[in-house]
Amino acid sequence: MFEKMNNIMIREGRVEDIPQIIQVIHDSIQSCVLDHQREESKIQTWLEKFDHASLIVDMLYNDCWVYLIYDKVVGFLLVSDAGEIRMHYVAQHCQRLGFGTALFHQMHSALLKKKIHQIEIQSTQTALSYYQHCGFHPHSAEPEDESRYLYKYVF
C-alpha cells in the first residue's frame, strides 16, 4: 500500500504533519524563480495562501500523501476526487531526486482504484517541463496561455 525503504516512506498526510507541510510548501515556492522572479511581494502573496486552517480543510476533503525521510516531511501531494492535483510540492534540497515522482505514482495508483482516469493540474512555469515529461498535455493549444492547465489520461 505505501512505499517504505529503511527510513524513507510515503504515507497518507495527517493533521500533525501540517507544520512540516507548510515548511515544504514555503521552501518549494522559493525555488519557483520563473514564476516570481524573486520579487518579494509576489512570493509573499503566494505564501499567504497556505496556512494551517486552509490545509486542514484541504486535507479533509481531498486525498494527500507525504514523503518522509527520517520522519521529516520533504514532499507533499494533494489531489481532489475529480483527479485535480491541487498541491504538489517538494522541499528545495530534495527536488530532482525522484521524490515528487514517487508521490505522483502513489497518487496514480490511488486514482486508478477509484476509477479516475484523467488527472489535471494548473502548473507553475517552473514545474511545466516536469509535468510535460510525466506525459501531461496542455488543454489549450495557445502558447501564450498563462494558466498552464494540463491534463493526462491514465489507465
N, C-alpha and C. Protein backbone atom coordinates (compact mmCIF):
# COMPACT_ATOMS: atom_id res chain seq x y z
N MET A 1 0.82 -1.19 0.00
CA MET A 1 0.00 0.00 0.00
C MET A 1 0.86 1.26 0.00
N PHE A 2 1.81 1.35 0.90
CA PHE A 2 2.68 2.51 0.95
C PHE A 2 4.11 2.08 0.77
N GLU A 3 4.88 2.90 0.08
CA GLU A 3 6.28 2.61 -0.17
C GLU A 3 7.07 2.85 1.11
N LYS A 4 7.93 1.88 1.48
CA LYS A 4 8.77 2.07 2.65
C LYS A 4 10.12 1.42 2.40
N MET A 5 11.16 2.18 2.55
CA MET A 5 12.52 1.68 2.41
C MET A 5 13.34 2.29 3.53
N ASN A 6 13.82 1.46 4.45
CA ASN A 6 14.60 1.93 5.58
C ASN A 6 13.90 3.09 6.27
N ASN A 7 14.44 4.29 6.17
CA ASN A 7 13.84 5.44 6.83
C ASN A 7 13.16 6.38 5.85
N ILE A 8 12.78 5.84 4.69
CA ILE A 8 12.08 6.60 3.66
C ILE A 8 10.70 6.00 3.49
N MET A 9 9.67 6.84 3.48
CA MET A 9 8.32 6.30 3.40
C MET A 9 7.37 7.32 2.79
N ILE A 10 6.39 6.81 2.06
CA ILE A 10 5.26 7.61 1.62
C ILE A 10 4.05 7.09 2.39
N ARG A 11 3.30 8.01 2.97
CA ARG A 11 2.08 7.63 3.67
C ARG A 11 1.06 8.75 3.52
N GLU A 12 -0.17 8.46 3.93
CA GLU A 12 -1.20 9.49 3.89
C GLU A 12 -0.83 10.63 4.82
N GLY A 13 -1.13 11.84 4.38
CA GLY A 13 -0.86 13.01 5.21
C GLY A 13 -1.79 13.05 6.40
N ARG A 14 -1.29 13.58 7.50
CA ARG A 14 -2.05 13.70 8.75
C ARG A 14 -2.04 15.15 9.22
N VAL A 15 -3.02 15.48 10.05
CA VAL A 15 -3.12 16.85 10.57
C VAL A 15 -1.82 17.24 11.27
N GLU A 16 -1.22 16.32 12.00
CA GLU A 16 0.01 16.66 12.72
C GLU A 16 1.20 16.94 11.79
N ASP A 17 1.06 16.62 10.51
CA ASP A 17 2.10 16.91 9.53
C ASP A 17 2.05 18.36 9.03
N ILE A 18 0.96 19.05 9.30
CA ILE A 18 0.73 20.37 8.68
C ILE A 18 1.88 21.36 8.89
N PRO A 19 2.44 21.51 10.09
CA PRO A 19 3.55 22.47 10.21
C PRO A 19 4.72 22.14 9.27
N GLN A 20 5.05 20.86 9.14
CA GLN A 20 6.13 20.48 8.23
C GLN A 20 5.72 20.64 6.77
N ILE A 21 4.45 20.35 6.46
CA ILE A 21 3.96 20.52 5.09
C ILE A 21 4.07 21.99 4.69
N ILE A 22 3.68 22.89 5.59
CA ILE A 22 3.77 24.33 5.30
C ILE A 22 5.22 24.72 5.04
N GLN A 23 6.16 24.16 5.81
CA GLN A 23 7.58 24.45 5.58
C GLN A 23 8.01 24.00 4.19
N VAL A 24 7.57 22.79 3.79
CA VAL A 24 7.91 22.26 2.47
C VAL A 24 7.32 23.15 1.38
N ILE A 25 6.06 23.54 1.53
CA ILE A 25 5.42 24.40 0.54
C ILE A 25 6.18 25.72 0.41
N HIS A 26 6.48 26.35 1.54
CA HIS A 26 7.19 27.63 1.51
C HIS A 26 8.57 27.48 0.87
N ASP A 27 9.27 26.42 1.22
CA ASP A 27 10.60 26.18 0.66
C ASP A 27 10.51 25.95 -0.85
N SER A 28 9.55 25.17 -1.27
CA SER A 28 9.38 24.87 -2.69
C SER A 28 9.01 26.12 -3.49
N ILE A 29 8.14 26.93 -2.93
CA ILE A 29 7.74 28.17 -3.61
C ILE A 29 8.95 29.08 -3.83
N GLN A 30 9.84 29.13 -2.87
CA GLN A 30 11.05 29.95 -3.03
C GLN A 30 11.85 29.53 -4.26
N SER A 31 11.77 28.24 -4.62
CA SER A 31 12.55 27.75 -5.76
C SER A 31 11.88 28.02 -7.11
N CYS A 32 10.67 28.52 -7.11
CA CYS A 32 9.93 28.77 -8.36
C CYS A 32 10.27 30.14 -8.94
N VAL A 33 11.54 30.35 -9.21
CA VAL A 33 12.03 31.65 -9.66
C VAL A 33 11.39 32.09 -10.98
N LEU A 34 11.12 31.15 -11.90
CA LEU A 34 10.48 31.51 -13.17
C LEU A 34 9.12 32.15 -12.96
N ASP A 35 8.48 31.82 -11.83
CA ASP A 35 7.13 32.32 -11.56
C ASP A 35 7.13 33.65 -10.81
N HIS A 36 8.08 33.83 -9.90
CA HIS A 36 8.04 35.05 -9.08
C HIS A 36 9.24 35.98 -9.30
N GLN A 37 10.21 35.56 -10.09
CA GLN A 37 11.39 36.38 -10.40
C GLN A 37 12.03 36.99 -9.14
N ARG A 38 11.90 36.30 -8.03
CA ARG A 38 12.46 36.71 -6.73
C ARG A 38 11.87 38.04 -6.22
N GLU A 39 10.69 38.40 -6.71
CA GLU A 39 10.02 39.61 -6.22
C GLU A 39 9.31 39.26 -4.92
N GLU A 40 9.74 39.88 -3.83
CA GLU A 40 9.22 39.55 -2.50
C GLU A 40 7.71 39.69 -2.40
N SER A 41 7.13 40.69 -3.06
CA SER A 41 5.67 40.87 -2.97
C SER A 41 4.94 39.69 -3.61
N LYS A 42 5.45 39.20 -4.75
CA LYS A 42 4.83 38.04 -5.40
C LYS A 42 4.97 36.79 -4.52
N ILE A 43 6.16 36.61 -3.96
CA ILE A 43 6.40 35.45 -3.10
C ILE A 43 5.47 35.49 -1.90
N GLN A 44 5.38 36.65 -1.25
CA GLN A 44 4.55 36.78 -0.05
C GLN A 44 3.09 36.52 -0.35
N THR A 45 2.59 37.03 -1.47
CA THR A 45 1.20 36.79 -1.86
C THR A 45 0.95 35.30 -2.05
N TRP A 46 1.88 34.61 -2.66
CA TRP A 46 1.77 33.18 -2.90
C TRP A 46 1.80 32.41 -1.58
N LEU A 47 2.73 32.77 -0.69
CA LEU A 47 2.88 32.06 0.58
C LEU A 47 1.65 32.23 1.47
N GLU A 48 1.00 33.38 1.40
CA GLU A 48 -0.14 33.65 2.27
C GLU A 48 -1.33 32.74 2.00
N LYS A 49 -1.34 32.07 0.86
CA LYS A 49 -2.44 31.16 0.52
C LYS A 49 -2.40 29.88 1.35
N PHE A 50 -1.28 29.61 1.99
CA PHE A 50 -1.11 28.33 2.69
C PHE A 50 -0.95 28.57 4.18
N ASP A 51 -2.01 28.22 4.92
CA ASP A 51 -1.94 28.30 6.37
C ASP A 51 -2.56 27.04 6.97
N HIS A 52 -2.44 26.92 8.27
CA HIS A 52 -2.88 25.72 8.98
C HIS A 52 -4.36 25.43 8.73
N ALA A 53 -5.20 26.44 8.85
CA ALA A 53 -6.65 26.24 8.72
C ALA A 53 -7.03 25.79 7.30
N SER A 54 -6.46 26.42 6.29
CA SER A 54 -6.82 26.04 4.92
C SER A 54 -6.32 24.65 4.59
N LEU A 55 -5.15 24.27 5.12
CA LEU A 55 -4.64 22.92 4.87
C LEU A 55 -5.49 21.85 5.55
N ILE A 56 -5.99 22.14 6.74
CA ILE A 56 -6.88 21.17 7.41
C ILE A 56 -8.08 20.88 6.53
N VAL A 57 -8.70 21.93 6.01
CA VAL A 57 -9.88 21.76 5.15
C VAL A 57 -9.50 21.00 3.89
N ASP A 58 -8.40 21.41 3.25
CA ASP A 58 -7.98 20.72 2.02
C ASP A 58 -7.70 19.24 2.28
N MET A 59 -7.05 18.93 3.39
CA MET A 59 -6.72 17.53 3.69
C MET A 59 -7.97 16.73 4.03
N LEU A 60 -8.96 17.38 4.60
CA LEU A 60 -10.21 16.70 4.96
C LEU A 60 -11.00 16.28 3.73
N TYR A 61 -11.00 17.12 2.71
CA TYR A 61 -11.84 16.88 1.54
C TYR A 61 -11.11 16.34 0.32
N ASN A 62 -9.83 16.05 0.45
CA ASN A 62 -9.03 15.54 -0.66
C ASN A 62 -8.11 14.44 -0.17
N ASP A 63 -7.52 13.71 -1.09
CA ASP A 63 -6.52 12.70 -0.74
C ASP A 63 -5.15 13.35 -0.76
N CYS A 64 -4.31 12.98 0.21
CA CYS A 64 -2.97 13.55 0.22
C CYS A 64 -1.97 12.56 0.79
N TRP A 65 -0.74 12.74 0.37
CA TRP A 65 0.36 11.89 0.83
C TRP A 65 1.55 12.77 1.13
N VAL A 66 2.38 12.28 2.05
CA VAL A 66 3.64 12.94 2.36
C VAL A 66 4.78 11.98 2.08
N TYR A 67 5.90 12.53 1.69
CA TYR A 67 7.13 11.77 1.50
C TYR A 67 7.98 12.09 2.71
N LEU A 68 8.33 11.06 3.46
CA LEU A 68 9.09 11.23 4.70
C LEU A 68 10.49 10.65 4.56
N ILE A 69 11.46 11.36 5.10
CA ILE A 69 12.81 10.84 5.28
C ILE A 69 13.13 11.05 6.75
N TYR A 70 13.41 9.95 7.44
CA TYR A 70 13.66 10.00 8.89
C TYR A 70 12.57 10.80 9.61
N ASP A 71 11.32 10.50 9.29
CA ASP A 71 10.14 11.11 9.90
C ASP A 71 10.01 12.61 9.63
N LYS A 72 10.75 13.13 8.68
CA LYS A 72 10.63 14.54 8.31
C LYS A 72 9.97 14.63 6.93
N VAL A 73 8.93 15.46 6.83
CA VAL A 73 8.22 15.65 5.56
C VAL A 73 9.13 16.43 4.61
N VAL A 74 9.36 15.85 3.42
CA VAL A 74 10.14 16.53 2.38
C VAL A 74 9.34 16.69 1.09
N GLY A 75 8.14 16.09 1.04
CA GLY A 75 7.29 16.20 -0.14
C GLY A 75 5.83 16.04 0.24
N PHE A 76 4.95 16.63 -0.57
CA PHE A 76 3.52 16.63 -0.27
C PHE A 76 2.75 16.69 -1.59
N LEU A 77 1.72 15.86 -1.70
CA LEU A 77 0.85 15.88 -2.87
C LEU A 77 -0.59 15.77 -2.40
N LEU A 78 -1.46 16.63 -2.94
CA LEU A 78 -2.88 16.62 -2.58
C LEU A 78 -3.67 16.62 -3.88
N VAL A 79 -4.64 15.70 -3.99
CA VAL A 79 -5.43 15.56 -5.22
C VAL A 79 -6.91 15.45 -4.86
N SER A 80 -7.75 16.06 -5.68
CA SER A 80 -9.20 16.00 -5.44
C SER A 80 -9.77 14.68 -5.94
N ASP A 81 -11.00 14.40 -5.56
CA ASP A 81 -11.69 13.20 -6.05
C ASP A 81 -11.99 13.27 -7.54
N ALA A 82 -11.87 14.45 -8.12
CA ALA A 82 -12.07 14.61 -9.56
C ALA A 82 -10.76 14.42 -10.33
N GLY A 83 -9.65 14.18 -9.62
CA GLY A 83 -8.37 13.97 -10.28
C GLY A 83 -7.57 15.23 -10.51
N GLU A 84 -7.90 16.32 -9.82
CA GLU A 84 -7.14 17.56 -9.96
C GLU A 84 -6.05 17.60 -8.90
N ILE A 85 -4.81 17.67 -9.35
CA ILE A 85 -3.70 17.84 -8.41
C ILE A 85 -3.78 19.28 -7.91
N ARG A 86 -4.06 19.44 -6.63
CA ARG A 86 -4.23 20.77 -6.06
C ARG A 86 -2.94 21.31 -5.46
N MET A 87 -2.09 20.39 -4.99
CA MET A 87 -0.78 20.78 -4.45
C MET A 87 0.20 19.64 -4.69
N HIS A 88 1.40 20.00 -5.11
CA HIS A 88 2.46 19.02 -5.33
C HIS A 88 3.77 19.75 -5.09
N TYR A 89 4.32 19.59 -3.91
CA TYR A 89 5.50 20.35 -3.51
C TYR A 89 6.56 19.41 -2.96
N VAL A 90 7.82 19.74 -3.25
CA VAL A 90 8.97 19.02 -2.72
C VAL A 90 9.95 20.06 -2.20
N ALA A 91 10.51 19.81 -1.01
CA ALA A 91 11.49 20.73 -0.44
C ALA A 91 12.62 20.95 -1.44
N GLN A 92 13.13 22.15 -1.47
CA GLN A 92 14.11 22.54 -2.48
C GLN A 92 15.32 21.60 -2.51
N HIS A 93 15.83 21.20 -1.35
CA HIS A 93 17.02 20.34 -1.32
C HIS A 93 16.74 18.91 -1.76
N CYS A 94 15.47 18.56 -1.93
CA CYS A 94 15.09 17.21 -2.36
C CYS A 94 14.53 17.18 -3.78
N GLN A 95 14.49 18.31 -4.45
CA GLN A 95 13.97 18.36 -5.81
C GLN A 95 14.93 17.68 -6.78
N ARG A 96 14.35 17.10 -7.82
CA ARG A 96 15.09 16.40 -8.88
C ARG A 96 15.76 15.12 -8.38
N LEU A 97 15.23 14.55 -7.29
CA LEU A 97 15.75 13.29 -6.76
C LEU A 97 14.73 12.16 -6.85
N GLY A 98 13.58 12.43 -7.47
CA GLY A 98 12.56 11.40 -7.65
C GLY A 98 11.48 11.36 -6.59
N PHE A 99 11.55 12.23 -5.59
CA PHE A 99 10.55 12.21 -4.52
C PHE A 99 9.18 12.66 -5.02
N GLY A 100 9.15 13.71 -5.82
CA GLY A 100 7.88 14.18 -6.40
C GLY A 100 7.27 13.14 -7.31
N THR A 101 8.11 12.44 -8.06
CA THR A 101 7.63 11.39 -8.95
C THR A 101 7.10 10.21 -8.16
N ALA A 102 7.74 9.88 -7.05
CA ALA A 102 7.25 8.79 -6.20
C ALA A 102 5.87 9.14 -5.63
N LEU A 103 5.69 10.38 -5.21
CA LEU A 103 4.37 10.83 -4.74
C LEU A 103 3.35 10.76 -5.88
N PHE A 104 3.76 11.16 -7.07
CA PHE A 104 2.89 11.10 -8.23
C PHE A 104 2.43 9.66 -8.49
N HIS A 105 3.34 8.69 -8.41
CA HIS A 105 2.99 7.29 -8.63
C HIS A 105 2.03 6.78 -7.55
N GLN A 106 2.22 7.22 -6.31
CA GLN A 106 1.31 6.84 -5.22
C GLN A 106 -0.09 7.36 -5.53
N MET A 107 -0.18 8.61 -5.96
CA MET A 107 -1.47 9.21 -6.31
C MET A 107 -2.10 8.48 -7.49
N HIS A 108 -1.29 8.18 -8.50
CA HIS A 108 -1.76 7.49 -9.70
C HIS A 108 -2.42 6.17 -9.33
N SER A 109 -1.79 5.38 -8.47
CA SER A 109 -2.36 4.10 -8.04
C SER A 109 -3.69 4.29 -7.32
N ALA A 110 -3.74 5.29 -6.46
CA ALA A 110 -4.97 5.55 -5.71
C ALA A 110 -6.10 5.99 -6.64
N LEU A 111 -5.80 6.81 -7.64
CA LEU A 111 -6.83 7.26 -8.57
C LEU A 111 -7.36 6.11 -9.41
N LEU A 112 -6.48 5.22 -9.83
CA LEU A 112 -6.94 4.06 -10.61
C LEU A 112 -7.89 3.19 -9.80
N LYS A 113 -7.62 3.02 -8.51
CA LYS A 113 -8.52 2.24 -7.65
C LYS A 113 -9.89 2.89 -7.56
N LYS A 114 -9.93 4.22 -7.68
CA LYS A 114 -11.20 4.95 -7.65
C LYS A 114 -11.82 5.09 -9.05
N LYS A 115 -11.16 4.48 -10.04
CA LYS A 115 -11.62 4.53 -11.43
C LYS A 115 -11.63 5.96 -11.99
N ILE A 116 -10.65 6.74 -11.57
CA ILE A 116 -10.44 8.09 -12.11
C ILE A 116 -9.35 7.97 -13.16
N HIS A 117 -9.66 8.37 -14.38
CA HIS A 117 -8.74 8.15 -15.49
C HIS A 117 -8.22 9.43 -16.14
N GLN A 118 -8.52 10.58 -15.56
CA GLN A 118 -7.94 11.82 -16.07
C GLN A 118 -7.42 12.62 -14.89
N ILE A 119 -6.18 13.07 -15.01
CA ILE A 119 -5.55 13.90 -13.99
C ILE A 119 -5.36 15.28 -14.60
N GLU A 120 -5.61 16.31 -13.80
CA GLU A 120 -5.43 17.68 -14.27
C GLU A 120 -4.59 18.45 -13.26
N ILE A 121 -3.90 19.45 -13.75
CA ILE A 121 -3.14 20.34 -12.87
C ILE A 121 -3.00 21.70 -13.52
N GLN A 122 -2.97 22.73 -12.70
CA GLN A 122 -2.58 24.06 -13.16
C GLN A 122 -1.13 24.21 -12.71
N SER A 123 -0.22 24.08 -13.64
CA SER A 123 1.21 24.05 -13.33
C SER A 123 1.79 25.45 -13.18
N THR A 124 2.84 25.52 -12.38
CA THR A 124 3.66 26.73 -12.38
C THR A 124 4.54 26.69 -13.62
N GLN A 125 5.09 27.83 -13.98
CA GLN A 125 6.03 27.87 -15.10
C GLN A 125 7.25 27.00 -14.78
N THR A 126 7.69 27.05 -13.53
CA THR A 126 8.86 26.29 -13.11
C THR A 126 8.66 24.79 -13.27
N ALA A 127 7.47 24.28 -12.95
CA ALA A 127 7.21 22.83 -12.99
C ALA A 127 6.67 22.34 -14.33
N LEU A 128 6.45 23.24 -15.26
CA LEU A 128 5.82 22.87 -16.53
C LEU A 128 6.57 21.76 -17.25
N SER A 129 7.87 21.86 -17.36
CA SER A 129 8.64 20.83 -18.08
C SER A 129 8.57 19.49 -17.35
N TYR A 130 8.50 19.51 -16.01
CA TYR A 130 8.37 18.26 -15.24
C TYR A 130 7.07 17.55 -15.61
N TYR A 131 5.95 18.28 -15.61
CA TYR A 131 4.66 17.65 -15.91
C TYR A 131 4.59 17.20 -17.37
N GLN A 132 5.18 17.96 -18.27
CA GLN A 132 5.22 17.53 -19.67
C GLN A 132 6.04 16.26 -19.80
N HIS A 133 7.13 16.16 -19.06
CA HIS A 133 7.95 14.93 -19.05
C HIS A 133 7.14 13.75 -18.49
N CYS A 134 6.22 14.02 -17.57
CA CYS A 134 5.36 12.98 -16.99
C CYS A 134 4.19 12.62 -17.91
N GLY A 135 4.10 13.25 -19.08
CA GLY A 135 3.06 12.89 -20.04
C GLY A 135 1.84 13.79 -20.05
N PHE A 136 1.90 14.91 -19.35
CA PHE A 136 0.77 15.85 -19.35
C PHE A 136 0.79 16.69 -20.62
N HIS A 137 -0.41 17.11 -21.04
CA HIS A 137 -0.58 17.92 -22.24
C HIS A 137 -1.40 19.16 -21.89
N PRO A 138 -1.16 20.27 -22.60
CA PRO A 138 -1.94 21.48 -22.33
C PRO A 138 -3.38 21.33 -22.81
N HIS A 139 -4.32 21.94 -22.07
CA HIS A 139 -5.71 21.98 -22.51
C HIS A 139 -5.86 22.88 -23.72
N SER A 140 -5.05 23.91 -23.78
CA SER A 140 -5.14 24.91 -24.85
C SER A 140 -3.93 24.80 -25.75
N ALA A 141 -4.14 24.99 -27.04
CA ALA A 141 -3.04 24.97 -27.99
C ALA A 141 -2.34 26.33 -28.06
N GLU A 142 -2.89 27.30 -27.38
CA GLU A 142 -2.32 28.65 -27.41
C GLU A 142 -1.05 28.70 -26.56
N PRO A 143 0.10 29.03 -27.16
CA PRO A 143 1.34 29.08 -26.39
C PRO A 143 1.35 30.20 -25.35
N GLU A 144 0.56 31.23 -25.56
CA GLU A 144 0.55 32.33 -24.60
C GLU A 144 -0.43 32.09 -23.45
N ASP A 145 -1.03 30.91 -23.40
CA ASP A 145 -1.97 30.59 -22.33
C ASP A 145 -1.21 30.56 -21.00
N GLU A 146 -1.37 31.60 -20.22
CA GLU A 146 -0.62 31.74 -18.98
C GLU A 146 -1.10 30.82 -17.86
N SER A 147 -2.29 30.26 -18.00
CA SER A 147 -2.82 29.45 -16.90
C SER A 147 -2.12 28.10 -16.79
N ARG A 148 -1.59 27.58 -17.88
CA ARG A 148 -0.86 26.31 -17.88
C ARG A 148 -1.69 25.16 -17.31
N TYR A 149 -2.94 25.06 -17.73
CA TYR A 149 -3.76 23.92 -17.34
C TYR A 149 -3.35 22.71 -18.17
N LEU A 150 -3.02 21.63 -17.49
CA LEU A 150 -2.55 20.42 -18.15
C LEU A 150 -3.43 19.24 -17.77
N TYR A 151 -3.43 18.22 -18.62
CA TYR A 151 -4.18 17.01 -18.31
C TYR A 151 -3.40 15.80 -18.77
N LYS A 152 -3.77 14.66 -18.21
CA LYS A 152 -3.17 13.38 -18.59
C LYS A 152 -4.21 12.30 -18.37
N TYR A 153 -4.34 11.41 -19.35
CA TYR A 153 -5.21 10.25 -19.18
C TYR A 153 -4.37 9.11 -18.62
N VAL A 154 -4.93 8.39 -17.65
CA VAL A 154 -4.21 7.28 -17.02
C VAL A 154 -5.08 6.04 -17.00
N PHE A 155 -4.45 4.90 -17.22
CA PHE A 155 -5.17 3.63 -17.23
C PHE A 155 -4.35 2.57 -16.54
